[in-house]
Amino acid sequence: MMEHEVVTRRGWMTREEFLDLLGATNLAPGPNSTKMALFIGYVLGGLPGAAVATLGIFLPAFAFVALMGPVTLQFARPALTNGPTVTLFLVGVAILATIRINAAWLVLAGGLLGVAFG
């Protein structure tokens, strides 16, 4: 999508220039789409271009996560009705904060514990 937008549609760089940036992107650590946007921004506009490109790729995700936070709290408040559910929630948060585990496993475990201890 980036190649189509930058090379074909806008003509901001050649395909060869784009592929050179793609090669550099694959060498640097981190998410490729973010690095590619930053590199394109830098090539087209220097440091200000890199800053704008970085904000452009981060702000939509940041806004989504920020909006989902209040929605999650609205769903959590009615569910946390007693001591056991609050304890289960806090244990789950502690597990997520300390070890890398897929949250789906915690949801499954919480559901099984809820059924087992009703």
N, C-alpha and C. Protein backbone atom coordinates (compact mmCIF):
# COMPACT_ATOMS: atom_id res chain seq x y z
N MET A 1 0.83 -1.19 0.00
CA MET A 1 0.00 0.00 0.00
C MET A 1 0.87 1.25 0.00
N MET A 2 1.94 1.22 0.81
CA MET A 2 2.83 2.38 0.84
C MET A 2 3.49 2.60 -0.51
N GLU A 3 3.94 1.50 -1.12
CA GLU A 3 4.58 1.62 -2.42
C GLU A 3 3.62 2.22 -3.44
N HIS A 4 2.41 1.74 -3.47
CA HIS A 4 1.42 2.27 -4.41
C HIS A 4 1.22 3.77 -4.18
N GLU A 5 1.06 4.15 -2.93
CA GLU A 5 0.79 5.55 -2.61
C GLU A 5 1.99 6.45 -2.93
N VAL A 6 3.18 6.02 -2.52
CA VAL A 6 4.38 6.86 -2.63
C VAL A 6 4.97 6.86 -4.04
N VAL A 7 5.00 5.69 -4.67
CA VAL A 7 5.65 5.57 -5.98
C VAL A 7 4.65 5.79 -7.12
N THR A 8 3.60 5.00 -7.15
CA THR A 8 2.68 5.01 -8.28
C THR A 8 1.74 6.23 -8.26
N ARG A 9 1.05 6.41 -7.17
CA ARG A 9 0.02 7.45 -7.12
C ARG A 9 0.59 8.85 -7.00
N ARG A 10 1.53 9.05 -6.07
CA ARG A 10 2.05 10.39 -5.82
C ARG A 10 3.33 10.71 -6.59
N GLY A 11 4.10 9.68 -6.95
CA GLY A 11 5.35 9.91 -7.67
C GLY A 11 6.41 10.62 -6.86
N TRP A 12 6.38 10.42 -5.54
CA TRP A 12 7.33 11.09 -4.66
C TRP A 12 8.73 10.50 -4.76
N MET A 13 8.84 9.23 -5.18
CA MET A 13 10.15 8.59 -5.35
C MET A 13 10.01 7.48 -6.37
N THR A 14 11.15 7.02 -6.86
CA THR A 14 11.14 5.92 -7.82
C THR A 14 10.98 4.59 -7.08
N ARG A 15 10.66 3.56 -7.84
CA ARG A 15 10.54 2.23 -7.25
C ARG A 15 11.87 1.79 -6.66
N GLU A 16 12.97 2.12 -7.33
CA GLU A 16 14.30 1.75 -6.85
C GLU A 16 14.61 2.43 -5.51
N GLU A 17 14.26 3.71 -5.41
CA GLU A 17 14.47 4.42 -4.13
C GLU A 17 13.63 3.79 -3.03
N PHE A 18 12.40 3.45 -3.37
CA PHE A 18 11.52 2.81 -2.39
C PHE A 18 12.10 1.48 -1.93
N LEU A 19 12.60 0.68 -2.88
CA LEU A 19 13.17 -0.63 -2.52
C LEU A 19 14.43 -0.47 -1.68
N ASP A 20 15.22 0.58 -1.93
CA ASP A 20 16.39 0.84 -1.08
C ASP A 20 15.96 1.13 0.35
N LEU A 21 14.92 1.94 0.50
CA LEU A 21 14.40 2.23 1.84
C LEU A 21 13.85 0.96 2.49
N LEU A 22 13.19 0.14 1.70
CA LEU A 22 12.65 -1.12 2.23
C LEU A 22 13.76 -2.01 2.75
N GLY A 23 14.88 -2.05 2.01
CA GLY A 23 16.03 -2.82 2.48
C GLY A 23 16.58 -2.29 3.79
N ALA A 24 16.68 -0.97 3.91
CA ALA A 24 17.15 -0.36 5.16
C ALA A 24 16.16 -0.63 6.29
N THR A 25 14.89 -0.62 5.97
CA THR A 25 13.85 -0.89 6.95
C THR A 25 14.00 -2.30 7.53
N ASN A 26 14.32 -3.25 6.68
CA ASN A 26 14.46 -4.63 7.14
C ASN A 26 15.69 -4.84 8.00
N LEU A 27 16.66 -3.95 7.92
CA LEU A 27 17.87 -4.08 8.73
C LEU A 27 17.70 -3.49 10.13
N ALA A 28 16.85 -2.49 10.27
CA ALA A 28 16.67 -1.82 11.56
C ALA A 28 15.62 -2.56 12.40
N PRO A 29 15.80 -2.56 13.73
CA PRO A 29 14.82 -3.24 14.58
C PRO A 29 13.51 -2.45 14.70
N GLY A 30 12.44 -3.17 14.92
CA GLY A 30 11.14 -2.53 15.13
C GLY A 30 10.16 -2.86 14.02
N PRO A 31 8.93 -2.35 14.15
CA PRO A 31 7.89 -2.63 13.16
C PRO A 31 8.23 -1.99 11.81
N ASN A 32 8.13 -2.78 10.75
CA ASN A 32 8.52 -2.31 9.42
C ASN A 32 7.67 -1.14 8.92
N SER A 33 6.37 -1.16 9.14
CA SER A 33 5.53 -0.09 8.61
C SER A 33 5.89 1.25 9.26
N THR A 34 6.18 1.23 10.54
CA THR A 34 6.56 2.45 11.24
C THR A 34 7.89 2.98 10.73
N LYS A 35 8.86 2.09 10.60
CA LYS A 35 10.18 2.51 10.11
C LYS A 35 10.08 3.02 8.68
N MET A 36 9.30 2.35 7.85
CA MET A 36 9.18 2.76 6.46
C MET A 36 8.56 4.15 6.36
N ALA A 37 7.52 4.40 7.15
CA ALA A 37 6.90 5.73 7.14
C ALA A 37 7.91 6.78 7.59
N LEU A 38 8.68 6.47 8.64
CA LEU A 38 9.69 7.41 9.12
C LEU A 38 10.73 7.68 8.05
N PHE A 39 11.24 6.63 7.39
CA PHE A 39 12.26 6.80 6.35
C PHE A 39 11.72 7.60 5.18
N ILE A 40 10.50 7.31 4.74
CA ILE A 40 9.90 8.06 3.63
C ILE A 40 9.76 9.52 4.02
N GLY A 41 9.27 9.76 5.22
CA GLY A 41 9.14 11.14 5.70
C GLY A 41 10.47 11.86 5.73
N TYR A 42 11.52 11.16 6.15
CA TYR A 42 12.85 11.76 6.21
C TYR A 42 13.38 12.09 4.82
N VAL A 43 13.21 11.16 3.89
CA VAL A 43 13.69 11.38 2.52
C VAL A 43 12.96 12.57 1.88
N LEU A 44 11.66 12.65 2.12
CA LEU A 44 10.86 13.70 1.48
C LEU A 44 10.94 15.05 2.19
N GLY A 45 11.15 15.04 3.51
CA GLY A 45 11.09 16.32 4.23
C GLY A 45 12.10 16.50 5.33
N GLY A 46 13.17 15.70 5.34
CA GLY A 46 14.18 15.85 6.38
C GLY A 46 13.62 15.49 7.76
N LEU A 47 14.21 16.09 8.79
CA LEU A 47 13.75 15.79 10.16
C LEU A 47 12.29 16.19 10.40
N PRO A 48 11.85 17.36 9.92
CA PRO A 48 10.41 17.66 10.09
C PRO A 48 9.52 16.64 9.39
N GLY A 49 9.92 16.18 8.21
CA GLY A 49 9.14 15.17 7.50
C GLY A 49 9.08 13.87 8.26
N ALA A 50 10.23 13.49 8.85
CA ALA A 50 10.26 12.26 9.65
C ALA A 50 9.35 12.38 10.86
N ALA A 51 9.36 13.55 11.49
CA ALA A 51 8.50 13.77 12.67
C ALA A 51 7.03 13.70 12.29
N VAL A 52 6.65 14.34 11.20
CA VAL A 52 5.25 14.33 10.77
C VAL A 52 4.82 12.91 10.38
N ALA A 53 5.68 12.20 9.65
CA ALA A 53 5.36 10.83 9.24
C ALA A 53 5.20 9.92 10.46
N THR A 54 6.08 10.08 11.44
CA THR A 54 6.00 9.26 12.65
C THR A 54 4.71 9.55 13.41
N LEU A 55 4.37 10.82 13.56
CA LEU A 55 3.11 11.16 14.22
C LEU A 55 1.92 10.62 13.43
N GLY A 56 2.01 10.69 12.11
CA GLY A 56 0.91 10.21 11.28
C GLY A 56 0.66 8.72 11.41
N ILE A 57 1.71 7.97 11.68
CA ILE A 57 1.52 6.52 11.80
C ILE A 57 1.18 6.12 13.25
N PHE A 58 1.60 6.93 14.23
CA PHE A 58 1.34 6.58 15.63
C PHE A 58 0.02 7.13 16.17
N LEU A 59 -0.36 8.32 15.77
CA LEU A 59 -1.55 8.95 16.35
C LEU A 59 -2.84 8.17 16.17
N PRO A 60 -3.12 7.60 14.99
CA PRO A 60 -4.37 6.83 14.89
C PRO A 60 -4.42 5.64 15.86
N ALA A 61 -3.33 4.90 15.98
CA ALA A 61 -3.31 3.77 16.92
C ALA A 61 -3.42 4.26 18.35
N PHE A 62 -2.73 5.36 18.67
CA PHE A 62 -2.80 5.92 20.02
C PHE A 62 -4.23 6.36 20.34
N ALA A 63 -4.88 7.02 19.39
CA ALA A 63 -6.26 7.47 19.62
C ALA A 63 -7.19 6.27 19.83
N PHE A 64 -7.00 5.21 19.04
CA PHE A 64 -7.83 4.02 19.19
C PHE A 64 -7.66 3.41 20.58
N VAL A 65 -6.41 3.25 21.01
CA VAL A 65 -6.16 2.66 22.32
C VAL A 65 -6.70 3.55 23.43
N ALA A 66 -6.53 4.86 23.28
CA ALA A 66 -7.02 5.79 24.29
C ALA A 66 -8.55 5.74 24.40
N LEU A 67 -9.22 5.61 23.26
CA LEU A 67 -10.68 5.52 23.29
C LEU A 67 -11.17 4.19 23.84
N MET A 68 -10.44 3.12 23.57
CA MET A 68 -10.85 1.80 24.05
C MET A 68 -10.70 1.68 25.57
N GLY A 69 -9.77 2.44 26.15
CA GLY A 69 -9.58 2.40 27.60
C GLY A 69 -10.85 2.73 28.35
N PRO A 70 -11.50 3.91 28.09
CA PRO A 70 -12.77 4.21 28.79
C PRO A 70 -13.87 3.20 28.50
N VAL A 71 -13.93 2.65 27.26
CA VAL A 71 -14.95 1.66 26.92
C VAL A 71 -14.73 0.40 27.75
N THR A 72 -13.47 -0.03 27.87
CA THR A 72 -13.14 -1.21 28.66
C THR A 72 -13.55 -1.01 30.11
N LEU A 73 -13.28 0.17 30.65
CA LEU A 73 -13.67 0.45 32.04
C LEU A 73 -15.18 0.41 32.21
N GLN A 74 -15.92 0.88 31.22
CA GLN A 74 -17.38 0.84 31.31
C GLN A 74 -17.90 -0.59 31.35
N PHE A 75 -17.23 -1.50 30.62
CA PHE A 75 -17.64 -2.90 30.65
C PHE A 75 -17.17 -3.58 31.93
N ALA A 76 -16.03 -3.17 32.47
CA ALA A 76 -15.46 -3.84 33.64
C ALA A 76 -16.23 -3.51 34.91
N ARG A 77 -16.67 -2.28 35.06
CA ARG A 77 -17.33 -1.88 36.33
C ARG A 77 -18.50 -2.77 36.71
N PRO A 78 -19.44 -3.04 35.81
CA PRO A 78 -20.56 -3.92 36.21
C PRO A 78 -20.14 -5.36 36.45
N ALA A 79 -19.04 -5.79 35.84
CA ALA A 79 -18.60 -7.18 35.99
C ALA A 79 -17.90 -7.42 37.32
N LEU A 80 -17.27 -6.39 37.86
CA LEU A 80 -16.52 -6.54 39.12
C LEU A 80 -17.46 -6.27 40.29
N THR A 81 -18.29 -7.25 40.59
CA THR A 81 -19.37 -7.04 41.55
C THR A 81 -19.08 -7.56 42.95
N ASN A 82 -18.06 -8.43 43.10
CA ASN A 82 -17.80 -8.99 44.42
C ASN A 82 -16.30 -9.27 44.59
N GLY A 83 -15.93 -9.69 45.77
CA GLY A 83 -14.53 -9.94 46.08
C GLY A 83 -13.84 -10.93 45.17
N PRO A 84 -14.43 -12.10 44.91
CA PRO A 84 -13.76 -13.08 44.04
C PRO A 84 -13.51 -12.56 42.63
N THR A 85 -14.48 -11.85 42.04
CA THR A 85 -14.26 -11.36 40.67
C THR A 85 -13.19 -10.26 40.65
N VAL A 86 -13.18 -9.41 41.66
CA VAL A 86 -12.15 -8.37 41.75
C VAL A 86 -10.78 -9.02 41.93
N THR A 87 -10.70 -10.04 42.78
CA THR A 87 -9.43 -10.74 43.00
C THR A 87 -8.96 -11.41 41.72
N LEU A 88 -9.86 -12.07 41.02
CA LEU A 88 -9.51 -12.73 39.77
C LEU A 88 -9.01 -11.70 38.74
N PHE A 89 -9.66 -10.56 38.68
CA PHE A 89 -9.24 -9.50 37.78
C PHE A 89 -7.84 -9.00 38.14
N LEU A 90 -7.59 -8.74 39.41
CA LEU A 90 -6.29 -8.24 39.84
C LEU A 90 -5.18 -9.26 39.61
N VAL A 91 -5.46 -10.53 39.83
CA VAL A 91 -4.47 -11.58 39.55
C VAL A 91 -4.16 -11.63 38.05
N GLY A 92 -5.18 -11.52 37.23
CA GLY A 92 -4.98 -11.51 35.78
C GLY A 92 -4.13 -10.33 35.33
N VAL A 93 -4.41 -9.16 35.87
CA VAL A 93 -3.62 -7.97 35.54
C VAL A 93 -2.17 -8.16 35.99
N ALA A 94 -1.98 -8.72 37.18
CA ALA A 94 -0.63 -8.95 37.68
C ALA A 94 0.13 -9.93 36.80
N ILE A 95 -0.55 -10.98 36.35
CA ILE A 95 0.09 -11.95 35.46
C ILE A 95 0.49 -11.29 34.14
N LEU A 96 -0.41 -10.51 33.57
CA LEU A 96 -0.10 -9.83 32.31
C LEU A 96 1.05 -8.84 32.47
N ALA A 97 1.14 -8.22 33.64
CA ALA A 97 2.18 -7.22 33.87
C ALA A 97 3.55 -7.85 34.09
N THR A 98 3.59 -9.10 34.54
CA THR A 98 4.88 -9.70 34.91
C THR A 98 5.42 -10.70 33.90
N ILE A 99 4.54 -11.41 33.21
CA ILE A 99 5.04 -12.40 32.23
C ILE A 99 4.33 -12.21 30.90
N ARG A 100 4.99 -12.62 29.85
CA ARG A 100 4.41 -12.54 28.51
C ARG A 100 3.50 -13.75 28.31
N ILE A 101 2.20 -13.49 28.25
CA ILE A 101 1.24 -14.55 28.00
C ILE A 101 0.10 -13.96 27.19
N ASN A 102 -0.46 -14.74 26.33
CA ASN A 102 -1.59 -14.30 25.53
C ASN A 102 -2.78 -14.10 26.46
N ALA A 103 -3.40 -12.94 26.38
CA ALA A 103 -4.53 -12.62 27.26
C ALA A 103 -5.69 -13.58 27.08
N ALA A 104 -5.80 -14.21 25.92
CA ALA A 104 -6.89 -15.17 25.70
C ALA A 104 -6.79 -16.34 26.67
N TRP A 105 -5.57 -16.77 27.00
CA TRP A 105 -5.40 -17.86 27.98
C TRP A 105 -5.91 -17.43 29.35
N LEU A 106 -5.69 -16.18 29.70
CA LEU A 106 -6.18 -15.69 31.00
C LEU A 106 -7.70 -15.61 31.02
N VAL A 107 -8.29 -15.20 29.92
CA VAL A 107 -9.75 -15.16 29.85
C VAL A 107 -10.32 -16.56 29.98
N LEU A 108 -9.70 -17.51 29.29
CA LEU A 108 -10.14 -18.90 29.38
C LEU A 108 -9.98 -19.43 30.81
N ALA A 109 -8.83 -19.19 31.41
CA ALA A 109 -8.59 -19.65 32.79
C ALA A 109 -9.57 -19.01 33.76
N GLY A 110 -9.81 -17.70 33.59
CA GLY A 110 -10.78 -17.01 34.45
C GLY A 110 -12.18 -17.59 34.32
N GLY A 111 -12.57 -17.89 33.09
CA GLY A 111 -13.88 -18.49 32.88
C GLY A 111 -13.99 -19.86 33.52
N LEU A 112 -12.94 -20.66 33.37
CA LEU A 112 -12.95 -22.00 33.99
C LEU A 112 -12.98 -21.91 35.52
N LEU A 113 -12.22 -20.97 36.07
CA LEU A 113 -12.23 -20.79 37.54
C LEU A 113 -13.61 -20.30 38.00
N GLY A 114 -14.20 -19.42 37.22
CA GLY A 114 -15.53 -18.92 37.57
C GLY A 114 -16.57 -20.04 37.58
N VAL A 115 -16.48 -20.93 36.59
CA VAL A 115 -17.41 -22.06 36.53
C VAL A 115 -17.13 -23.03 37.66
N ALA A 116 -15.85 -23.31 37.91
CA ALA A 116 -15.47 -24.28 38.94
C ALA A 116 -15.88 -23.82 40.34
N PHE A 117 -15.69 -22.53 40.60
CA PHE A 117 -15.94 -22.04 41.97
C PHE A 117 -17.23 -21.25 42.07
N GLY A 118 -17.92 -21.11 40.95
CA GLY A 118 -19.22 -20.49 40.86
C GLY A 118 -19.46 -19.42 41.83
